[in-house]
């Protein structure tokens, strides 16, 4: 039996988190409300890319553990697990073939 409300995002909304991937790329994310977020790529191939008011599906999946998922205009889909209890983020990105074949084109987005 769950002892949390999956749509209660009280402890997540308003959080600003900076995280680093295993490859050294750094990103930051700001949870604006229960359905949108801002993010910025701080380093890596898409460095300085900022997105505001990205529509996202955000839900609590455990006590102080959340999942945010969205699809970017490029067709890239992102899924982030945010564990606020131990300050761990786990992100998975799914890139469409055209982004892998020619990443420079994403500059337009």
N, C-alpha and C. Protein backbone atom coordinates (compact mmCIF):
# COMPACT_ATOMS: atom_id res chain seq x y z
N UNK A 1 0.83 -1.18 0.00
CA UNK A 1 0.00 0.00 0.00
C UNK A 1 0.88 1.25 0.00
N UNK A 2 0.56 2.19 -0.86
CA UNK A 2 1.32 3.43 -0.95
C UNK A 2 0.97 4.36 0.19
N UNK A 3 1.99 4.98 0.79
CA UNK A 3 1.74 5.95 1.84
C UNK A 3 2.15 7.35 1.36
N UNK A 4 1.91 7.61 0.07
CA UNK A 4 2.16 8.92 -0.51
C UNK A 4 1.13 9.15 -1.61
N UNK A 5 0.90 10.41 -1.92
CA UNK A 5 -0.04 10.76 -2.99
C UNK A 5 0.77 11.07 -4.24
N UNK A 6 0.55 10.29 -5.30
CA UNK A 6 1.40 10.43 -6.49
C UNK A 6 1.29 11.80 -7.15
N UNK A 7 0.23 12.52 -6.93
CA UNK A 7 0.09 13.84 -7.55
C UNK A 7 0.44 14.98 -6.58
N UNK A 8 0.92 14.64 -5.37
CA UNK A 8 1.35 15.66 -4.42
C UNK A 8 2.80 16.03 -4.73
N UNK A 9 3.00 17.19 -5.34
CA UNK A 9 4.33 17.64 -5.73
C UNK A 9 4.81 18.80 -4.87
N UNK A 10 4.21 18.95 -3.69
CA UNK A 10 4.52 20.06 -2.79
C UNK A 10 6.01 20.19 -2.51
N UNK A 11 6.69 19.08 -2.26
CA UNK A 11 8.11 19.13 -1.91
C UNK A 11 9.02 19.27 -3.13
N UNK A 12 8.48 19.19 -4.34
CA UNK A 12 9.28 19.28 -5.56
C UNK A 12 9.14 20.63 -6.26
N UNK A 13 7.92 21.15 -6.34
CA UNK A 13 7.69 22.41 -7.05
C UNK A 13 8.52 23.52 -6.42
N UNK A 14 9.22 24.25 -7.28
CA UNK A 14 10.08 25.34 -6.81
C UNK A 14 11.53 24.93 -6.62
N UNK A 15 11.82 23.64 -6.77
CA UNK A 15 13.20 23.16 -6.61
C UNK A 15 14.03 23.52 -7.84
N UNK A 16 15.24 23.93 -7.58
CA UNK A 16 16.23 24.24 -8.62
C UNK A 16 17.41 23.32 -8.35
N UNK A 17 17.70 22.43 -9.30
CA UNK A 17 18.74 21.42 -9.09
C UNK A 17 19.75 21.49 -10.23
N UNK A 18 21.01 21.35 -9.88
CA UNK A 18 22.09 21.26 -10.86
C UNK A 18 22.69 19.87 -10.72
N UNK A 19 22.87 19.19 -11.85
CA UNK A 19 23.38 17.82 -11.81
C UNK A 19 24.36 17.59 -12.93
N UNK A 20 25.23 16.61 -12.73
CA UNK A 20 26.27 16.29 -13.70
C UNK A 20 26.13 14.83 -14.12
N UNK A 21 26.10 14.62 -15.44
CA UNK A 21 26.06 13.27 -15.97
C UNK A 21 27.42 12.60 -15.80
N UNK A 22 27.44 11.29 -15.93
CA UNK A 22 28.69 10.54 -15.82
C UNK A 22 29.73 10.97 -16.84
N UNK A 23 29.28 11.51 -17.99
CA UNK A 23 30.23 11.96 -19.02
C UNK A 23 30.74 13.37 -18.77
N UNK A 24 30.34 13.98 -17.65
CA UNK A 24 30.82 15.31 -17.28
C UNK A 24 29.91 16.46 -17.68
N UNK A 25 28.89 16.20 -18.51
CA UNK A 25 27.99 17.27 -18.91
C UNK A 25 27.14 17.70 -17.71
N UNK A 26 26.96 19.00 -17.57
CA UNK A 26 26.20 19.52 -16.45
C UNK A 26 24.92 20.18 -16.96
N UNK A 27 23.84 19.94 -16.24
CA UNK A 27 22.53 20.50 -16.57
C UNK A 27 21.93 21.07 -15.30
N UNK A 28 20.96 21.95 -15.47
CA UNK A 28 20.18 22.41 -14.33
C UNK A 28 18.71 22.35 -14.70
N UNK A 29 17.89 22.15 -13.70
CA UNK A 29 16.45 22.01 -13.90
C UNK A 29 15.74 22.78 -12.80
N UNK A 30 14.65 23.43 -13.17
CA UNK A 30 13.82 24.15 -12.22
C UNK A 30 12.39 23.67 -12.42
N UNK A 31 11.79 23.14 -11.38
CA UNK A 31 10.41 22.64 -11.45
C UNK A 31 9.48 23.81 -11.17
N UNK A 32 8.81 24.30 -12.20
CA UNK A 32 7.97 25.50 -12.08
C UNK A 32 6.64 25.21 -11.39
N UNK A 33 6.00 24.13 -11.82
CA UNK A 33 4.70 23.77 -11.27
C UNK A 33 4.46 22.29 -11.56
N UNK A 34 3.23 21.82 -11.41
CA UNK A 34 2.97 20.39 -11.55
C UNK A 34 2.99 19.88 -12.98
N UNK A 35 3.18 20.79 -13.96
CA UNK A 35 3.18 20.33 -15.35
C UNK A 35 4.20 21.04 -16.25
N UNK A 36 5.10 21.82 -15.67
CA UNK A 36 6.12 22.45 -16.51
C UNK A 36 7.40 22.69 -15.72
N UNK A 37 8.48 22.79 -16.50
CA UNK A 37 9.81 23.00 -15.91
C UNK A 37 10.65 23.82 -16.86
N UNK A 38 11.73 24.38 -16.33
CA UNK A 38 12.75 25.05 -17.13
C UNK A 38 14.00 24.21 -17.01
N UNK A 39 14.82 24.19 -18.05
CA UNK A 39 16.11 23.53 -17.93
C UNK A 39 17.14 24.24 -18.77
N UNK A 40 18.39 24.07 -18.38
CA UNK A 40 19.50 24.68 -19.10
C UNK A 40 20.64 23.68 -19.18
N UNK A 41 21.24 23.61 -20.34
CA UNK A 41 22.41 22.76 -20.54
C UNK A 41 23.62 23.63 -20.24
N UNK A 42 24.38 23.27 -19.21
CA UNK A 42 25.51 24.08 -18.77
C UNK A 42 26.80 23.73 -19.50
N UNK A 43 26.94 22.48 -19.91
CA UNK A 43 28.14 22.05 -20.63
C UNK A 43 27.79 20.87 -21.52
N UNK A 44 28.68 20.55 -22.45
CA UNK A 44 28.43 19.46 -23.39
C UNK A 44 28.13 20.01 -24.77
N UNK A 45 27.69 19.13 -25.66
CA UNK A 45 27.50 19.51 -27.06
C UNK A 45 26.39 20.53 -27.28
N UNK A 46 25.44 20.63 -26.37
CA UNK A 46 24.35 21.60 -26.51
C UNK A 46 24.45 22.69 -25.44
N UNK A 47 25.68 23.00 -25.04
CA UNK A 47 25.94 23.97 -23.98
C UNK A 47 25.21 25.29 -24.22
N UNK A 48 24.72 25.87 -23.13
CA UNK A 48 24.00 27.16 -23.11
C UNK A 48 22.60 27.10 -23.69
N UNK A 49 22.10 25.92 -23.97
CA UNK A 49 20.73 25.79 -24.45
C UNK A 49 19.79 25.93 -23.25
N UNK A 50 18.83 26.84 -23.36
CA UNK A 50 17.85 27.07 -22.30
C UNK A 50 16.46 26.81 -22.85
N UNK A 51 15.64 26.14 -22.05
CA UNK A 51 14.26 25.91 -22.43
C UNK A 51 13.39 26.34 -21.25
N UNK A 52 12.40 27.16 -21.52
CA UNK A 52 11.49 27.63 -20.48
C UNK A 52 10.09 27.11 -20.75
N UNK A 53 9.39 26.84 -19.67
CA UNK A 53 8.01 26.34 -19.72
C UNK A 53 7.86 25.07 -20.56
N UNK A 54 8.80 24.15 -20.38
CA UNK A 54 8.70 22.85 -21.05
C UNK A 54 7.55 22.07 -20.40
N UNK A 55 6.59 21.70 -21.19
CA UNK A 55 5.49 20.88 -20.69
C UNK A 55 6.04 19.51 -20.30
N UNK A 56 5.63 19.01 -19.14
CA UNK A 56 6.16 17.74 -18.64
C UNK A 56 5.10 17.00 -17.85
N UNK A 57 5.24 15.68 -17.83
CA UNK A 57 4.42 14.84 -16.96
C UNK A 57 5.26 14.60 -15.72
N UNK A 58 4.78 15.07 -14.56
CA UNK A 58 5.54 14.99 -13.32
C UNK A 58 4.68 14.27 -12.29
N UNK A 59 5.26 13.28 -11.64
CA UNK A 59 4.51 12.48 -10.67
C UNK A 59 5.44 12.01 -9.57
N UNK A 60 4.89 11.82 -8.38
CA UNK A 60 5.64 11.24 -7.27
C UNK A 60 5.55 9.72 -7.38
N UNK A 61 6.69 9.04 -7.33
CA UNK A 61 6.69 7.57 -7.45
C UNK A 61 7.09 6.88 -6.15
N UNK A 62 7.44 7.64 -5.14
CA UNK A 62 7.79 7.14 -3.81
C UNK A 62 7.91 8.35 -2.91
N UNK A 63 8.12 8.14 -1.63
CA UNK A 63 8.25 9.28 -0.73
C UNK A 63 9.48 10.10 -1.11
N UNK A 64 9.23 11.35 -1.53
CA UNK A 64 10.27 12.28 -1.98
C UNK A 64 11.06 11.76 -3.18
N UNK A 65 10.44 10.91 -3.99
CA UNK A 65 11.03 10.43 -5.24
C UNK A 65 10.04 10.75 -6.36
N UNK A 66 10.53 11.44 -7.38
CA UNK A 66 9.67 11.94 -8.44
C UNK A 66 10.19 11.52 -9.81
N UNK A 67 9.29 11.55 -10.78
CA UNK A 67 9.65 11.29 -12.17
C UNK A 67 9.08 12.42 -13.01
N UNK A 68 9.94 13.00 -13.85
CA UNK A 68 9.51 14.02 -14.80
C UNK A 68 9.88 13.53 -16.19
N UNK A 69 8.93 13.57 -17.11
CA UNK A 69 9.16 13.11 -18.48
C UNK A 69 8.60 14.14 -19.45
N UNK A 70 9.32 14.33 -20.57
CA UNK A 70 8.86 15.27 -21.58
C UNK A 70 9.49 14.94 -22.92
N UNK A 71 8.89 15.49 -23.97
CA UNK A 71 9.44 15.37 -25.32
C UNK A 71 9.75 16.77 -25.82
N UNK A 72 11.00 16.96 -26.24
CA UNK A 72 11.46 18.26 -26.72
C UNK A 72 11.03 18.48 -28.16
N UNK A 73 11.08 19.74 -28.64
CA UNK A 73 10.72 20.02 -30.04
C UNK A 73 11.56 19.23 -31.05
N UNK A 74 12.75 18.83 -30.68
CA UNK A 74 13.60 18.04 -31.57
C UNK A 74 13.12 16.61 -31.73
N UNK A 75 12.19 16.18 -30.86
CA UNK A 75 11.75 14.79 -30.86
C UNK A 75 12.48 13.97 -29.81
N UNK A 76 13.43 14.58 -29.12
CA UNK A 76 14.15 13.90 -28.04
C UNK A 76 13.22 13.76 -26.85
N UNK A 77 13.14 12.57 -26.29
CA UNK A 77 12.33 12.33 -25.09
C UNK A 77 13.26 12.16 -23.90
N UNK A 78 12.88 12.76 -22.78
CA UNK A 78 13.69 12.77 -21.56
C UNK A 78 12.85 12.20 -20.42
N UNK A 79 13.48 11.41 -19.57
CA UNK A 79 12.85 10.92 -18.36
C UNK A 79 13.86 11.06 -17.22
N UNK A 80 13.46 11.79 -16.18
CA UNK A 80 14.35 12.05 -15.04
C UNK A 80 13.69 11.54 -13.76
N UNK A 81 14.45 10.76 -13.01
CA UNK A 81 14.03 10.37 -11.67
C UNK A 81 14.76 11.30 -10.70
N UNK A 82 14.03 11.95 -9.82
CA UNK A 82 14.61 12.88 -8.85
C UNK A 82 14.36 12.33 -7.46
N UNK A 83 15.39 11.85 -6.81
CA UNK A 83 15.27 11.33 -5.45
C UNK A 83 15.78 12.40 -4.50
N UNK A 84 14.85 13.14 -3.90
CA UNK A 84 15.22 14.23 -3.01
C UNK A 84 15.73 13.75 -1.65
N UNK A 85 15.43 12.51 -1.30
CA UNK A 85 15.91 11.98 -0.01
C UNK A 85 17.41 11.86 0.01
N UNK A 86 18.00 11.42 -1.11
CA UNK A 86 19.45 11.22 -1.15
C UNK A 86 20.12 12.11 -2.20
N UNK A 87 19.36 13.08 -2.74
CA UNK A 87 19.86 14.02 -3.75
C UNK A 87 20.51 13.31 -4.93
N UNK A 88 19.75 12.40 -5.53
CA UNK A 88 20.21 11.64 -6.69
C UNK A 88 19.25 11.89 -7.84
N UNK A 89 19.80 12.19 -9.01
CA UNK A 89 19.00 12.30 -10.22
C UNK A 89 19.49 11.25 -11.20
N UNK A 90 18.55 10.60 -11.86
CA UNK A 90 18.90 9.63 -12.90
C UNK A 90 18.11 10.02 -14.14
N UNK A 91 18.82 10.30 -15.22
CA UNK A 91 18.18 10.79 -16.43
C UNK A 91 18.47 9.86 -17.59
N UNK A 92 17.45 9.63 -18.39
CA UNK A 92 17.60 8.87 -19.62
C UNK A 92 17.06 9.72 -20.76
N UNK A 93 17.84 9.80 -21.84
CA UNK A 93 17.45 10.56 -23.02
C UNK A 93 17.31 9.61 -24.19
N UNK A 94 16.27 9.81 -24.98
CA UNK A 94 16.02 9.00 -26.16
C UNK A 94 16.05 9.94 -27.36
N UNK A 95 17.11 9.84 -28.17
CA UNK A 95 17.31 10.74 -29.30
C UNK A 95 16.78 10.15 -30.59
N UNK A 96 16.11 10.98 -31.41
CA UNK A 96 15.72 10.50 -32.74
C UNK A 96 16.97 10.38 -33.61
N UNK A 97 16.91 9.58 -34.62
CA UNK A 97 18.06 9.30 -35.49
C UNK A 97 18.67 10.58 -36.05
N UNK A 98 17.84 11.55 -36.48
CA UNK A 98 18.39 12.75 -37.11
C UNK A 98 19.28 13.54 -36.16
N UNK A 99 19.00 13.52 -34.86
CA UNK A 99 19.83 14.23 -33.88
C UNK A 99 21.19 13.53 -33.76
N UNK A 100 21.19 12.23 -33.77
CA UNK A 100 22.43 11.47 -33.69
C UNK A 100 23.26 11.67 -34.96
N UNK A 101 22.59 11.68 -36.11
CA UNK A 101 23.30 11.82 -37.39
C UNK A 101 23.86 13.22 -37.61
N UNK A 102 23.15 14.26 -37.16
CA UNK A 102 23.60 15.63 -37.40
C UNK A 102 23.20 16.54 -36.22
N UNK A 103 23.90 16.43 -35.09
CA UNK A 103 23.51 17.18 -33.88
C UNK A 103 23.59 18.70 -34.05
N UNK A 104 24.35 19.21 -35.02
CA UNK A 104 24.44 20.65 -35.22
C UNK A 104 23.09 21.27 -35.57
N UNK A 105 22.22 20.47 -36.18
CA UNK A 105 20.90 20.98 -36.56
C UNK A 105 20.05 21.36 -35.34
N UNK A 106 20.37 20.81 -34.17
CA UNK A 106 19.57 21.11 -32.97
C UNK A 106 19.77 22.54 -32.51
N UNK A 107 20.77 23.23 -33.02
CA UNK A 107 21.01 24.63 -32.65
C UNK A 107 19.78 25.47 -32.96
N UNK A 108 19.05 25.11 -34.00
CA UNK A 108 17.84 25.85 -34.39
C UNK A 108 16.74 25.73 -33.35
N UNK A 109 16.81 24.75 -32.50
CA UNK A 109 15.77 24.55 -31.50
C UNK A 109 16.17 25.20 -30.20
